[in-house]
Amino acid sequence: MGQPWMELWAQFPPQNAVQRRMKVADLLSQQRHGWDNEKLIQVFGFHGALFIAITYPNDLVFSNRRDRLLFTPAKNGEFSIKGAYKLLTQGSHTGSSLSKLFNAIWYTPHILPRARVFLWKIAKNALPVEQVLCYRLNKQPQGCSLCGCQTENVVHTLFKCPVAQQVWFCSEFGLRTENLPDDSQQVLAMLFLSLSQQQRSAFSAIAWHLWKARCKEVFEGKKVSPFMVLSSASNLTFTMRIAPVAVPARRQILTTIVPNSPFICYSDASWVSHEEGGVGLAAVVFTNNRLLVQYELRVTAASSPFHSEVLALSMAVQMILSNNINDCCFLTDCKELFDVLNGLSGVTSVEWRAYDDTLQLLDVMTATPGFNCAHINRDDNHLADSFAKFARFRNVNCTDYTFPTCCIPDFC
């Protein structure tokens, strides 16, 4: 009981140095098969003894069960890297700032996906600049490949190099960057989080084109002027800002089932986090006179509820196309996905992890004139919901045709 780490968790430490040298076994009574209450009170006081007796009852202390290590911050007692990271960053200003920074990088709209990854690399100091390469390859630094004045790190390349200083000062931000700290994560958090969403789009475009200009000069020997960097960044910013408007509107914004569609397809997903299991997808096809024709169940992985809904509708579209059907109304209870497919919001506004799948689905829907997407209430999508939950709970992957029997499976 005299170990220093004991004091970190013991609420009622022993009263003196002699007692600190005692062992837990010295506090047990073999005759009583439990605690020696008199010794507990003598060592820890009445309140401490009462706390120990309640927290560690006799049947637990003298149990035949094997001891096991528990990670107490986790509900199940199991250690995980994620749990340890949360514990280390809990209440930390740095952890909070990092979380805000990465959320801003991944979820700010109107930023090119590759520029998002580029910003993430800046925050992680993962760009292949001289300082990073010399550290990895154990080489001596030669100086900045553009100005040669000092070691080339991320902050110098993008903010402190003479060309970079000119670009940022002439930009809409009017930044003086020569006195910025050399910590790329600190610089990005300080600058990026202080901007509005539209300004973040311009900031990312400038940083991205500064890096492209640096690579052109290093690898191709082509010098790019600050004016060209700003011009290219401005064009990219304008393109990304009008992207939601540029998405072609769907033929008809549907909120109810189209009566003249020969086929109606419900889709839904049953999502849980990666730690809890897979994602169940379901698609159910009816004729317009409500005869069940086909259903498909799949278990896969998805990064979020929205991503799982995209995968479910994509599976439904592929199932319809495999039957050579080109006229169908697809029903989903995901309002966000409905807005994207009907041109009410741009595909660039969706989360980055579902971007590629959403764009592919939008392309297929746009290329097939007979396909429409309508939004329904969650309660009206109970059949597809039951299919998706069954697929996830039972780990079922199947495709079945019910026509001409048109019978709903027993598990629904």
Protein backbone atom coordinates (compact mmCIF):
# COMPACT_ATOMS: atom_id res chain seq x y z
CA MET A 1 0.00 0.00 0.00
CA GLY A 2 3.03 2.25 0.05
CA GLN A 3 3.42 2.40 -3.72
CA PRO A 4 3.25 5.98 -5.09
CA TRP A 5 0.63 5.07 -7.66
CA MET A 6 -1.72 3.98 -4.89
CA GLU A 7 -2.23 7.61 -3.92
CA LEU A 8 -3.64 8.40 -7.35
CA TRP A 9 -6.76 6.33 -6.77
CA ALA A 10 -6.99 5.56 -3.06
CA GLN A 11 -9.57 7.93 -1.57
CA PHE A 12 -8.67 6.97 2.02
CA PRO A 13 -4.87 6.50 2.30
CA PRO A 14 -3.32 4.79 5.35
CA GLN A 15 -2.77 7.04 8.35
CA ASN A 16 0.99 6.57 8.94
CA ALA A 17 4.20 5.20 7.42
CA VAL A 18 4.01 1.86 9.28
CA GLN A 19 0.57 1.16 7.89
CA ARG A 20 1.74 2.10 4.41
CA ARG A 21 4.06 -0.92 4.44
CA MET A 22 1.18 -3.32 5.05
CA LYS A 23 -0.18 -5.59 2.35
CA VAL A 24 -3.82 -6.15 1.50
CA ALA A 25 -3.50 -9.71 2.84
CA ASP A 26 -2.75 -8.25 6.29
CA LEU A 27 -6.26 -6.78 6.33
CA LEU A 28 -8.04 -10.08 5.66
CA SER A 29 -9.38 -12.53 8.22
CA GLN A 30 -9.15 -16.19 7.23
CA GLN A 31 -11.61 -17.16 9.98
CA ARG A 32 -14.27 -14.73 8.72
CA HIS A 33 -13.43 -15.29 5.03
CA GLY A 34 -13.49 -11.58 4.51
CA TRP A 35 -12.14 -8.30 5.75
CA ASP A 36 -10.84 -7.83 9.27
CA ASN A 37 -13.13 -4.91 10.09
CA GLU A 38 -11.17 -3.84 13.18
CA LYS A 39 -7.96 -3.50 11.15
CA LEU A 40 -9.78 -1.68 8.36
CA ILE A 41 -11.10 0.91 10.80
CA GLN A 42 -7.71 1.21 12.48
CA VAL A 43 -5.88 1.80 9.19
CA PHE A 44 -8.36 3.75 7.08
CA GLY A 45 -10.77 5.18 9.61
CA PHE A 46 -14.48 4.47 9.86
CA HIS A 47 -15.51 6.08 6.56
CA GLY A 48 -12.64 4.49 4.66
CA ALA A 49 -13.41 1.04 6.07
CA LEU A 50 -17.08 1.44 5.18
CA PHE A 51 -16.19 2.50 1.63
CA ILE A 52 -13.87 -0.50 1.16
CA ALA A 53 -16.39 -2.97 2.59
CA ILE A 54 -19.12 -1.73 0.25
CA THR A 55 -16.91 -1.43 -2.84
CA TYR A 56 -15.14 -4.77 -2.34
CA PRO A 57 -17.55 -7.13 -0.50
CA ASN A 58 -16.31 -10.34 1.11
CA ASP A 59 -17.66 -12.64 -1.60
CA LEU A 60 -15.66 -10.68 -4.17
CA VAL A 61 -12.43 -10.62 -2.16
CA PHE A 62 -12.50 -14.38 -1.46
CA SER A 63 -13.87 -15.36 -4.85
CA ASN A 64 -12.24 -18.19 -6.81
CA ARG A 65 -12.47 -16.19 -10.02
CA ARG A 66 -9.22 -15.25 -11.72
CA ASP A 67 -8.16 -11.63 -11.51
CA ARG A 68 -8.17 -9.65 -14.72
CA LEU A 69 -7.01 -6.21 -15.73
CA LEU A 70 -9.72 -3.63 -16.34
CA PHE A 71 -9.46 -0.34 -18.20
CA THR A 72 -11.81 1.60 -15.94
CA PRO A 73 -12.55 4.54 -18.30
CA ALA A 74 -14.22 2.06 -20.71
CA LYS A 75 -17.69 0.78 -19.87
CA ASN A 76 -16.79 -2.80 -20.79
CA GLY A 77 -13.38 -2.62 -19.12
CA GLU A 78 -11.56 -3.35 -22.36
CA PHE A 79 -8.60 -1.20 -23.37
CA SER A 80 -8.61 0.42 -26.81
CA ILE A 81 -6.44 3.00 -28.54
CA LYS A 82 -9.54 5.12 -29.11
CA GLY A 83 -10.41 5.04 -25.41
CA ALA A 84 -6.85 5.90 -24.39
CA TYR A 85 -6.77 8.83 -26.82
CA LYS A 86 -10.05 10.18 -25.47
CA LEU A 87 -8.73 9.86 -21.92
CA LEU A 88 -5.50 11.68 -22.76
CA THR A 89 -7.22 14.52 -24.60
CA GLN A 90 -10.15 14.89 -22.21
CA GLY A 91 -10.24 18.43 -20.93
CA SER A 92 -7.21 19.31 -23.01
CA HIS A 93 -7.27 22.55 -24.94
CA THR A 94 -4.98 21.01 -27.56
CA GLY A 95 -7.26 18.03 -28.05
CA SER A 96 -10.30 20.28 -28.33
CA SER A 97 -8.56 22.54 -30.85
CA LEU A 98 -7.45 19.56 -32.92
CA SER A 99 -10.96 18.18 -32.98
CA LYS A 100 -12.33 21.54 -34.14
CA LEU A 101 -9.61 21.84 -36.77
CA PHE A 102 -10.18 18.41 -38.29
CA ASN A 103 -13.96 18.88 -38.23
CA ALA A 104 -13.50 22.17 -40.07
CA ILE A 105 -11.21 20.53 -42.63
CA TRP A 106 -13.49 17.60 -43.41
CA TYR A 107 -16.92 19.21 -43.12
CA THR A 108 -16.55 22.76 -44.45
CA PRO A 109 -18.42 22.87 -47.79
CA HIS A 110 -17.04 24.13 -51.12
CA ILE A 111 -13.55 22.67 -50.63
CA LEU A 112 -12.05 20.37 -53.26
CA PRO A 113 -11.62 16.84 -51.82
CA ARG A 114 -7.91 16.72 -52.68
CA ALA A 115 -7.51 20.11 -50.98
CA ARG A 116 -9.09 18.65 -47.84
CA VAL A 117 -6.50 15.88 -47.81
CA PHE A 118 -3.81 18.49 -48.42
CA LEU A 119 -4.96 20.53 -45.40
CA TRP A 120 -4.97 17.37 -43.31
CA LYS A 121 -1.37 16.71 -44.36
CA ILE A 122 -0.43 20.25 -43.32
CA ALA A 123 -1.96 19.66 -39.89
CA LYS A 124 -0.11 16.35 -39.59
CA ASN A 125 3.19 17.80 -40.89
CA ALA A 126 3.07 15.07 -43.55
CA LEU A 127 4.01 17.02 -46.69
CA PRO A 128 7.22 15.77 -48.39
CA VAL A 129 9.27 18.90 -47.69
CA GLU A 130 13.02 18.79 -47.03
CA GLN A 131 12.77 18.78 -43.23
CA VAL A 132 10.44 15.77 -43.23
CA LEU A 133 12.42 13.88 -45.88
CA CYS A 134 15.75 14.48 -44.12
CA TYR A 135 14.27 13.21 -40.87
CA ARG A 136 12.89 10.11 -42.54
CA LEU A 137 15.92 9.37 -44.72
CA ASN A 138 18.61 10.54 -42.27
CA LYS A 139 20.10 13.12 -44.64
CA GLN A 140 21.59 16.56 -44.14
CA PRO A 141 19.30 19.48 -45.10
CA GLN A 142 20.40 21.64 -48.03
CA GLY A 143 18.04 24.58 -47.54
CA CYS A 144 14.83 25.65 -49.24
CA SER A 145 14.67 24.42 -52.84
CA LEU A 146 13.21 27.79 -53.92
CA CYS A 147 15.03 30.46 -51.90
CA GLY A 148 17.80 28.41 -50.25
CA CYS A 149 17.70 30.57 -47.16
CA GLN A 150 16.84 28.04 -44.47
CA THR A 151 15.58 24.52 -43.83
CA GLU A 152 12.48 23.84 -45.85
CA ASN A 153 9.62 22.93 -43.53
CA VAL A 154 5.86 23.04 -44.11
CA VAL A 155 5.36 26.52 -42.66
CA HIS A 156 8.30 27.98 -44.60
CA THR A 157 7.15 26.46 -47.90
CA LEU A 158 3.54 27.60 -47.65
CA PHE A 159 3.84 30.83 -45.64
CA LYS A 160 7.39 32.16 -45.12
CA CYS A 161 9.10 31.61 -48.48
CA PRO A 162 9.30 34.97 -50.37
CA VAL A 163 6.86 33.85 -53.06
CA ALA A 164 4.43 32.55 -50.44
CA GLN A 165 4.68 35.81 -48.48
CA GLN A 166 3.82 37.80 -51.61
CA VAL A 167 0.86 35.56 -52.39
CA TRP A 168 -0.67 35.78 -48.93
CA PHE A 169 -0.14 39.54 -48.66
CA CYS A 170 -1.76 40.15 -52.08
CA SER A 171 -4.63 37.76 -51.37
CA GLU A 172 -8.02 38.75 -49.97
CA PHE A 173 -6.66 37.99 -46.48
CA GLY A 174 -3.73 40.47 -46.63
CA LEU A 175 -1.63 38.30 -44.30
CA ARG A 176 1.86 39.13 -43.06
CA THR A 177 3.25 35.63 -42.58
CA GLU A 178 6.94 36.20 -41.85
CA ASN A 179 6.49 35.98 -38.06
CA LEU A 180 4.32 32.88 -37.90
CA PRO A 181 5.50 30.03 -35.63
CA ASP A 182 7.11 26.97 -37.22
CA ASP A 183 4.48 24.51 -35.94
CA SER A 184 2.29 23.73 -38.97
CA GLN A 185 -0.56 22.42 -36.84
CA GLN A 186 -0.59 25.54 -34.69
CA VAL A 187 -0.47 27.83 -37.72
CA LEU A 188 -3.29 26.03 -39.51
CA ALA A 189 -5.50 25.98 -36.42
CA MET A 190 -4.85 29.68 -35.78
CA LEU A 191 -5.62 30.76 -39.35
CA PHE A 192 -8.18 28.26 -40.62
CA LEU A 193 -10.48 28.27 -37.59
CA SER A 194 -10.68 32.07 -37.58
CA LEU A 195 -12.19 32.16 -41.08
CA SER A 196 -15.75 31.90 -42.33
CA GLN A 197 -16.77 28.94 -44.50
CA GLN A 198 -16.37 30.90 -47.75
CA GLN A 199 -12.98 32.21 -46.62
CA ARG A 200 -11.86 28.67 -45.78
CA SER A 201 -12.58 27.66 -49.36
CA ALA A 202 -10.34 30.47 -50.65
CA PHE A 203 -7.66 29.71 -48.06
CA SER A 204 -7.48 26.04 -49.04
CA ALA A 205 -7.32 26.94 -52.75
CA ILE A 206 -4.40 29.35 -52.22
CA ALA A 207 -2.46 26.86 -50.08
CA TRP A 208 -3.10 24.09 -52.62
CA HIS A 209 -1.90 26.17 -55.59
CA LEU A 210 1.14 27.39 -53.65
CA TRP A 211 2.14 23.77 -53.18
CA LYS A 212 1.52 23.01 -56.87
CA ALA A 213 3.68 26.01 -57.84
CA ARG A 214 6.47 24.79 -55.57
CA CYS A 215 6.34 21.29 -57.10
CA LYS A 216 6.40 22.70 -60.65
CA GLU A 217 9.53 24.69 -59.95
CA VAL A 218 11.30 21.87 -58.10
CA PHE A 219 10.49 19.02 -60.49
CA GLU A 220 9.89 20.77 -63.82
CA GLY A 221 11.98 23.92 -63.47
CA LYS A 222 8.96 26.11 -64.25
CA LYS A 223 8.60 29.31 -62.26
CA VAL A 224 5.07 30.35 -61.34
CA SER A 225 4.44 33.98 -60.43
CA PRO A 226 2.39 35.00 -57.37
CA PHE A 227 -0.19 36.45 -59.77
CA MET A 228 -0.65 33.04 -61.45
CA VAL A 229 -1.03 31.35 -58.07
CA LEU A 230 -3.74 33.79 -56.99
CA SER A 231 -5.48 33.59 -60.37
CA SER A 232 -5.61 29.78 -60.31
CA ALA A 233 -6.77 29.77 -56.68
CA SER A 234 -9.48 32.33 -57.46
CA ASN A 235 -10.79 30.22 -60.35
CA LEU A 236 -10.89 27.11 -58.17
CA THR A 237 -12.68 28.96 -55.38
CA PHE A 238 -15.30 30.31 -57.76
CA THR A 239 -15.87 26.86 -59.28
CA MET A 240 -16.33 25.23 -55.88
CA ARG A 241 -18.68 27.95 -54.63
CA ILE A 242 -21.06 27.59 -57.58
CA ALA A 243 -20.84 23.78 -57.59
CA PRO A 244 -24.16 23.22 -55.76
CA VAL A 245 -25.91 25.49 -58.28
CA ALA A 246 -24.18 23.81 -61.20
CA VAL A 247 -25.54 20.37 -60.28
CA PRO A 248 -28.30 19.66 -62.85
CA ALA A 249 -31.76 19.67 -61.34
CA ARG A 250 -33.66 16.43 -61.39
CA ARG A 251 -36.52 16.12 -63.87
CA GLN A 252 -39.11 16.38 -61.14
CA ILE A 253 -38.83 16.93 -57.41
CA LEU A 254 -40.87 14.12 -55.97
CA THR A 255 -42.28 13.91 -52.48
CA THR A 256 -44.80 11.15 -53.20
CA ILE A 257 -44.84 7.98 -55.25
CA VAL A 258 -45.17 8.52 -59.00
CA PRO A 259 -48.40 6.71 -59.96
CA ASN A 260 -47.37 5.90 -63.53
CA SER A 261 -44.00 4.36 -62.63
CA PRO A 262 -44.23 0.64 -63.44
CA PHE A 263 -41.89 -0.24 -60.58
CA ILE A 264 -41.38 1.17 -57.09
CA CYS A 265 -38.25 0.38 -55.09
CA TYR A 266 -37.86 0.99 -51.35
CA SER A 267 -34.35 1.15 -49.88
CA ASP A 268 -33.08 1.47 -46.34
CA ALA A 269 -30.02 0.77 -44.20
CA SER A 270 -29.50 -0.34 -40.62
CA TRP A 271 -26.31 1.32 -39.43
CA VAL A 272 -24.14 0.88 -36.36
CA SER A 273 -20.60 2.01 -35.68
CA HIS A 274 -17.62 -0.10 -36.75
CA GLU A 275 -17.07 -1.28 -33.18
CA GLU A 276 -20.54 -2.82 -32.98
CA GLY A 277 -20.80 -4.64 -36.32
CA GLY A 278 -21.64 -4.30 -39.98
CA VAL A 279 -24.30 -2.36 -41.84
CA GLY A 280 -27.44 -4.00 -43.17
CA LEU A 281 -28.72 -2.86 -46.58
CA ALA A 282 -32.09 -3.67 -48.09
CA ALA A 283 -33.95 -2.98 -51.34
CA VAL A 284 -37.53 -4.07 -52.03
CA VAL A 285 -39.17 -3.83 -55.46
CA PHE A 286 -42.92 -3.63 -56.04
CA THR A 287 -44.98 -3.22 -59.18
CA ASN A 288 -47.23 -0.19 -59.31
CA ASN A 289 -50.17 -2.37 -58.24
CA ARG A 290 -48.30 -3.30 -55.04
CA LEU A 291 -47.12 -6.80 -55.98
CA LEU A 292 -43.80 -7.69 -54.35
CA VAL A 293 -41.36 -8.70 -57.07
CA GLN A 294 -37.84 -8.89 -55.66
CA TYR A 295 -35.79 -8.07 -52.59
CA GLU A 296 -32.07 -7.96 -51.87
CA LEU A 297 -30.23 -7.99 -48.55
CA ARG A 298 -26.57 -7.17 -48.01
CA VAL A 299 -24.18 -6.69 -45.09
CA THR A 300 -21.31 -4.28 -45.66
CA ALA A 301 -19.34 -1.50 -43.96
CA ALA A 302 -20.13 2.22 -43.99
CA SER A 303 -18.61 5.26 -42.35
CA SER A 304 -21.84 6.97 -41.27
CA PRO A 305 -25.65 6.69 -41.44
CA PHE A 306 -25.71 8.88 -44.57
CA HIS A 307 -23.05 6.73 -46.25
CA SER A 308 -25.07 3.59 -45.47
CA GLU A 309 -28.19 5.14 -47.06
CA VAL A 310 -26.16 5.95 -50.18
CA LEU A 311 -24.94 2.34 -50.37
CA ALA A 312 -28.49 1.01 -49.89
CA LEU A 313 -29.91 3.12 -52.71
CA SER A 314 -26.93 2.28 -54.93
CA MET A 315 -27.62 -1.41 -54.36
CA ALA A 316 -31.28 -0.84 -55.26
CA VAL A 317 -30.33 0.96 -58.48
CA GLN A 318 -27.96 -1.83 -59.52
CA MET A 319 -30.62 -4.44 -58.76
CA ILE A 320 -33.11 -2.62 -61.00
CA LEU A 321 -30.58 -2.19 -63.80
CA SER A 322 -29.63 -5.88 -63.65
CA ASN A 323 -33.25 -6.67 -64.55
CA ASN A 324 -33.12 -4.31 -67.55
CA ILE A 325 -35.65 -1.97 -65.93
CA ASN A 326 -35.21 1.67 -66.93
CA ASP A 327 -38.33 3.21 -65.40
CA CYS A 328 -38.55 3.11 -61.61
CA CYS A 329 -39.29 5.36 -58.66
CA PHE A 330 -36.83 4.91 -55.78
CA LEU A 331 -38.03 5.74 -52.28
CA THR A 332 -35.74 6.71 -49.42
CA ASP A 333 -36.34 8.10 -45.95
CA CYS A 334 -33.00 9.96 -45.99
CA LYS A 335 -33.85 13.62 -46.64
CA GLU A 336 -30.21 14.62 -47.18
CA LEU A 337 -29.77 12.01 -49.92
CA PHE A 338 -33.08 13.02 -51.51
CA ASP A 339 -31.94 16.66 -51.64
CA VAL A 340 -28.67 15.75 -53.35
CA LEU A 341 -30.29 13.53 -55.98
CA ASN A 342 -32.94 16.13 -56.78
CA GLY A 343 -30.55 19.07 -57.06
CA LEU A 344 -31.72 20.76 -53.86
CA SER A 345 -28.17 20.63 -52.47
CA GLY A 346 -24.82 20.04 -54.12
CA VAL A 347 -22.88 16.81 -53.96
CA THR A 348 -19.94 18.82 -52.63
CA SER A 349 -21.89 19.40 -49.40
CA VAL A 350 -21.89 15.73 -48.42
CA GLU A 351 -19.31 14.31 -46.03
CA TRP A 352 -15.99 13.44 -47.61
CA ARG A 353 -16.15 9.72 -46.77
CA ALA A 354 -19.34 9.29 -48.81
CA TYR A 355 -18.40 11.70 -51.60
CA ASP A 356 -17.28 9.17 -54.24
CA ASP A 357 -20.22 6.80 -53.71
CA THR A 358 -22.70 9.70 -53.78
CA LEU A 359 -21.21 11.11 -56.98
CA GLN A 360 -21.35 7.69 -58.66
CA LEU A 361 -24.99 7.22 -57.63
CA LEU A 362 -25.89 10.70 -58.91
CA ASP A 363 -24.25 9.94 -62.27
CA VAL A 364 -26.26 6.72 -62.70
CA MET A 365 -29.54 8.38 -61.71
CA THR A 366 -28.90 11.31 -64.06
CA ALA A 367 -27.98 9.02 -66.96
CA THR A 368 -31.26 7.08 -66.70
CA PRO A 369 -34.23 9.35 -67.58
CA GLY A 370 -36.80 6.92 -66.17
CA PHE A 371 -35.26 6.91 -62.69
CA ASN A 372 -36.64 9.24 -60.01
CA CYS A 373 -36.07 9.52 -56.28
CA ALA A 374 -38.81 10.41 -53.80
CA HIS A 375 -38.68 11.02 -50.06
CA ILE A 376 -40.99 9.16 -47.69
CA ASN A 377 -41.45 9.16 -43.93
CA ARG A 378 -39.53 6.61 -41.92
CA ASP A 379 -42.79 4.98 -40.77
CA ASP A 380 -43.79 4.37 -44.39
CA ASN A 381 -40.52 2.56 -45.06
CA HIS A 382 -41.03 -0.13 -42.42
CA LEU A 383 -40.67 -3.08 -44.82
CA ALA A 384 -37.22 -2.09 -46.10
CA ASP A 385 -36.27 -1.17 -42.54
CA SER A 386 -37.21 -4.67 -41.34
CA PHE A 387 -35.19 -6.23 -44.15
CA ALA A 388 -32.12 -4.10 -43.33
CA LYS A 389 -32.26 -4.88 -39.61
CA PHE A 390 -32.69 -8.58 -40.32
CA ALA A 391 -29.66 -8.52 -42.65
CA ARG A 392 -27.52 -6.84 -40.00
CA PHE A 393 -28.65 -8.95 -37.04
CA ARG A 394 -28.42 -12.28 -38.90
CA ASN A 395 -25.54 -11.36 -41.24
CA VAL A 396 -27.63 -12.27 -44.30
CA ASN A 397 -26.61 -11.68 -47.93
CA CYS A 398 -29.23 -12.78 -50.43
CA THR A 399 -31.28 -11.86 -53.49
CA ASP A 400 -34.66 -13.47 -54.10
CA TYR A 401 -37.51 -13.20 -56.58
CA THR A 402 -41.02 -13.60 -55.22
CA PHE A 403 -42.94 -13.12 -58.45
CA PRO A 404 -45.43 -14.67 -59.22
CA THR A 405 -46.08 -15.81 -55.63
CA CYS A 406 -45.57 -12.28 -54.26
CA CYS A 407 -45.15 -13.49 -50.71
CA ILE A 408 -43.43 -11.40 -48.09
CA PRO A 409 -40.70 -13.41 -46.29
CA ASP A 410 -41.51 -14.76 -42.84
CA PHE A 411 -38.94 -12.60 -41.04
CA CYS A 412 -40.87 -9.44 -41.89
